[in-house]
Amino acid sequence: MKIKLADLIFELVVYIICIFLIVLFWQNSFVLFVGILVVSAIIFIKWHEKKDFIYYFVAFFLGTIAEIIAVYSGAWQYTKPFYLIPVWLSFLWGIAGLLLLKIGKTLSGE
């Protein structure tokens, strides 16, 4: 098993950037939305196979549905929602889903 260090570094940098964007801009939904869109564009430049897009959008939609149901049921709430959830959150779910797949593959040596 050989881990590709450059891939792992890229994946972890994307993860860290997403966290910093949220921490720094959670009060400005538009700036956060643009930042998350830029991260999405960057990962699609690197990962642009059909299965990557499918994985991203499955996570995008399933994560969004789960969030809306949880917020609607009262489990939690967001301070700056668009419709129950912030507009950037769906895109973050897409990034998270694809990123977890890629980190898992990198760590398993695929």
C-alpha atoms as a PDB file:
ATOM      1  CA  MET A   1       0.000   0.000   0.000  1.00  0.00           C
ATOM      2  CA  LYS A   2       1.452   3.342  -1.056  1.00  0.00           C
ATOM      3  CA  ILE A   3      -0.193   6.598  -0.062  1.00  0.00           C
ATOM      4  CA  LYS A   4       0.162   9.437  -2.548  1.00  0.00           C
ATOM      5  CA  LEU A   5       1.297  12.268  -0.304  1.00  0.00           C
ATOM      6  CA  ALA A   6       0.526  15.032  -2.826  1.00  0.00           C
ATOM      7  CA  ASP A   7      -3.083  13.821  -3.126  1.00  0.00           C
ATOM      8  CA  LEU A   8      -3.491  13.626   0.650  1.00  0.00           C
ATOM      9  CA  ILE A   9      -2.071  17.129   1.087  1.00  0.00           C
ATOM     10  CA  PHE A  10      -4.463  18.528  -1.550  1.00  0.00           C
ATOM     11  CA  GLU A  11      -7.425  16.817   0.111  1.00  0.00           C
ATOM     12  CA  LEU A  12      -6.505  18.055   3.578  1.00  0.00           C
ATOM     13  CA  VAL A  13      -5.920  21.599   2.285  1.00  0.00           C
ATOM     14  CA  VAL A  14      -9.419  21.596   0.751  1.00  0.00           C
ATOM     15  CA  TYR A  15     -10.807  20.382   4.096  1.00  0.00           C
ATOM     16  CA  ILE A  16      -8.967  23.109   6.020  1.00  0.00           C
ATOM     17  CA  ILE A  17     -10.003  25.828   3.554  1.00  0.00           C
ATOM     18  CA  CYS A  18     -13.660  24.850   3.961  1.00  0.00           C
ATOM     19  CA  ILE A  19     -13.371  25.040   7.741  1.00  0.00           C
ATOM     20  CA  PHE A  20     -11.670  28.438   7.591  1.00  0.00           C
ATOM     21  CA  LEU A  21     -14.283  29.777   5.174  1.00  0.00           C
ATOM     22  CA  ILE A  22     -17.055  28.768   7.547  1.00  0.00           C
ATOM     23  CA  VAL A  23     -15.331  30.116  10.648  1.00  0.00           C
ATOM     24  CA  LEU A  24     -14.394  33.419   9.008  1.00  0.00           C
ATOM     25  CA  PHE A  25     -17.523  34.121   6.953  1.00  0.00           C
ATOM     26  CA  TRP A  26     -20.489  32.391   8.615  1.00  0.00           C
ATOM     27  CA  GLN A  27     -22.060  35.802   9.240  1.00  0.00           C
ATOM     28  CA  ASN A  28     -21.811  36.799   5.567  1.00  0.00           C
ATOM     29  CA  SER A  29     -23.695  34.131   3.635  1.00  0.00           C
ATOM     30  CA  PHE A  30     -22.903  35.635   0.231  1.00  0.00           C
ATOM     31  CA  VAL A  31     -19.131  35.658   0.752  1.00  0.00           C
ATOM     32  CA  LEU A  32     -19.258  32.163   2.218  1.00  0.00           C
ATOM     33  CA  PHE A  33     -21.389  30.953  -0.692  1.00  0.00           C
ATOM     34  CA  VAL A  34     -18.911  32.363  -3.225  1.00  0.00           C
ATOM     35  CA  GLY A  35     -15.989  30.824  -1.324  1.00  0.00           C
ATOM     36  CA  ILE A  36     -17.617  27.397  -1.239  1.00  0.00           C
ATOM     37  CA  LEU A  37     -18.438  27.692  -4.970  1.00  0.00           C
ATOM     38  CA  VAL A  38     -14.784  28.487  -5.696  1.00  0.00           C
ATOM     39  CA  VAL A  39     -13.692  25.427  -3.710  1.00  0.00           C
ATOM     40  CA  SER A  40     -16.228  23.331  -5.657  1.00  0.00           C
ATOM     41  CA  ALA A  41     -14.803  24.641  -8.939  1.00  0.00           C
ATOM     42  CA  ILE A  42     -11.255  23.854  -7.819  1.00  0.00           C
ATOM     43  CA  ILE A  43     -12.070  20.289  -6.872  1.00  0.00           C
ATOM     44  CA  PHE A  44     -13.883  19.779 -10.178  1.00  0.00           C
ATOM     45  CA  ILE A  45     -10.781  20.949 -12.007  1.00  0.00           C
ATOM     46  CA  LYS A  46      -8.807  18.222 -10.204  1.00  0.00           C
ATOM     47  CA  TRP A  47     -11.527  15.581 -10.066  1.00  0.00           C
ATOM     48  CA  HIS A  48     -13.695  15.713 -13.168  1.00  0.00           C
ATOM     49  CA  GLU A  49     -14.700  12.170 -13.979  1.00  0.00           C
ATOM     50  CA  LYS A  50     -18.389  11.385 -14.317  1.00  0.00           C
ATOM     51  CA  LYS A  51     -18.363   9.422 -11.049  1.00  0.00           C
ATOM     52  CA  ASP A  52     -16.917  12.455  -9.222  1.00  0.00           C
ATOM     53  CA  PHE A  53     -19.821  14.647 -10.333  1.00  0.00           C
ATOM     54  CA  ILE A  54     -22.302  11.920  -9.411  1.00  0.00           C
ATOM     55  CA  TYR A  55     -20.790  11.472  -5.965  1.00  0.00           C
ATOM     56  CA  TYR A  56     -20.752  15.253  -5.359  1.00  0.00           C
ATOM     57  CA  PHE A  57     -24.387  15.730  -6.359  1.00  0.00           C
ATOM     58  CA  VAL A  58     -25.641  12.666  -4.466  1.00  0.00           C
ATOM     59  CA  ALA A  59     -24.063  14.094  -1.308  1.00  0.00           C
ATOM     60  CA  PHE A  60     -25.359  17.572  -2.271  1.00  0.00           C
ATOM     61  CA  PHE A  61     -28.982  16.398  -2.504  1.00  0.00           C
ATOM     62  CA  LEU A  62     -29.051  13.781   0.267  1.00  0.00           C
ATOM     63  CA  GLY A  63     -27.245  16.096   2.691  1.00  0.00           C
ATOM     64  CA  THR A  64     -29.607  18.943   1.862  1.00  0.00           C
ATOM     65  CA  ILE A  65     -32.685  16.773   2.358  1.00  0.00           C
ATOM     66  CA  ALA A  66     -31.369  15.505   5.710  1.00  0.00           C
ATOM     67  CA  GLU A  67     -30.578  19.058   6.868  1.00  0.00           C
ATOM     68  CA  ILE A  68     -34.001  20.393   5.876  1.00  0.00           C
ATOM     69  CA  ILE A  69     -35.764  17.535   7.648  1.00  0.00           C
ATOM     70  CA  ALA A  70     -33.647  17.976  10.786  1.00  0.00           C
ATOM     71  CA  VAL A  71     -34.212  21.744  10.904  1.00  0.00           C
ATOM     72  CA  TYR A  72     -37.919  21.413  10.127  1.00  0.00           C
ATOM     73  CA  SER A  73     -38.333  18.877  12.934  1.00  0.00           C
ATOM     74  CA  GLY A  74     -36.600  21.224  15.389  1.00  0.00           C
ATOM     75  CA  ALA A  75     -33.404  19.227  15.895  1.00  0.00           C
ATOM     76  CA  TRP A  76     -31.327  22.364  15.252  1.00  0.00           C
ATOM     77  CA  GLN A  77     -31.436  25.667  13.446  1.00  0.00           C
ATOM     78  CA  TYR A  78     -29.124  27.951  11.490  1.00  0.00           C
ATOM     79  CA  THR A  79     -28.623  31.633  12.213  1.00  0.00           C
ATOM     80  CA  LYS A  80     -28.730  32.793   8.580  1.00  0.00           C
ATOM     81  CA  PRO A  81     -30.937  30.377   6.653  1.00  0.00           C
ATOM     82  CA  PHE A  82     -32.177  30.851   3.106  1.00  0.00           C
ATOM     83  CA  TYR A  83     -34.952  28.288   3.339  1.00  0.00           C
ATOM     84  CA  LEU A  84     -34.388  26.512   6.663  1.00  0.00           C
ATOM     85  CA  ILE A  85     -30.678  26.075   5.812  1.00  0.00           C
ATOM     86  CA  PRO A  86     -27.969  28.411   4.501  1.00  0.00           C
ATOM     87  CA  VAL A  87     -27.624  28.431   0.710  1.00  0.00           C
ATOM     88  CA  TRP A  88     -23.949  27.417   0.880  1.00  0.00           C
ATOM     89  CA  LEU A  89     -24.622  24.286   2.973  1.00  0.00           C
ATOM     90  CA  SER A  90     -25.760  22.097   0.071  1.00  0.00           C
ATOM     91  CA  PHE A  91     -22.519  22.788  -1.787  1.00  0.00           C
ATOM     92  CA  LEU A  92     -20.537  22.029   1.355  1.00  0.00           C
ATOM     93  CA  TRP A  93     -22.299  18.669   1.577  1.00  0.00           C
ATOM     94  CA  GLY A  94     -21.205  17.977  -1.998  1.00  0.00           C
ATOM     95  CA  ILE A  95     -17.613  18.860  -1.189  1.00  0.00           C
ATOM     96  CA  ALA A  96     -17.682  16.782   1.993  1.00  0.00           C
ATOM     97  CA  GLY A  97     -19.086  13.734   0.240  1.00  0.00           C
ATOM     98  CA  LEU A  98     -16.555  13.808  -2.578  1.00  0.00           C
ATOM     99  CA  LEU A  99     -13.707  14.674  -0.225  1.00  0.00           C
ATOM    100  CA  LEU A 100     -14.463  11.728   2.059  1.00  0.00           C
ATOM    101  CA  LEU A 101     -14.410   9.403  -0.926  1.00  0.00           C
ATOM    102  CA  LYS A 102     -11.086  10.794  -2.153  1.00  0.00           C
ATOM    103  CA  ILE A 103      -9.416  10.767   1.283  1.00  0.00           C
ATOM    104  CA  GLY A 104     -10.563   7.192   1.823  1.00  0.00           C
ATOM    105  CA  LYS A 105      -9.150   6.118  -1.525  1.00  0.00           C
ATOM    106  CA  THR A 106      -5.890   7.949  -0.891  1.00  0.00           C
ATOM    107  CA  LEU A 107      -5.416   6.406   2.558  1.00  0.00           C
ATOM    108  CA  SER A 108      -6.233   2.929   1.268  1.00  0.00           C
ATOM    109  CA  GLY A 109      -3.669   3.310  -1.507  1.00  0.00           C
ATOM    110  CA  GLU A 110      -6.134   3.214  -4.414  1.00  0.00           C
END
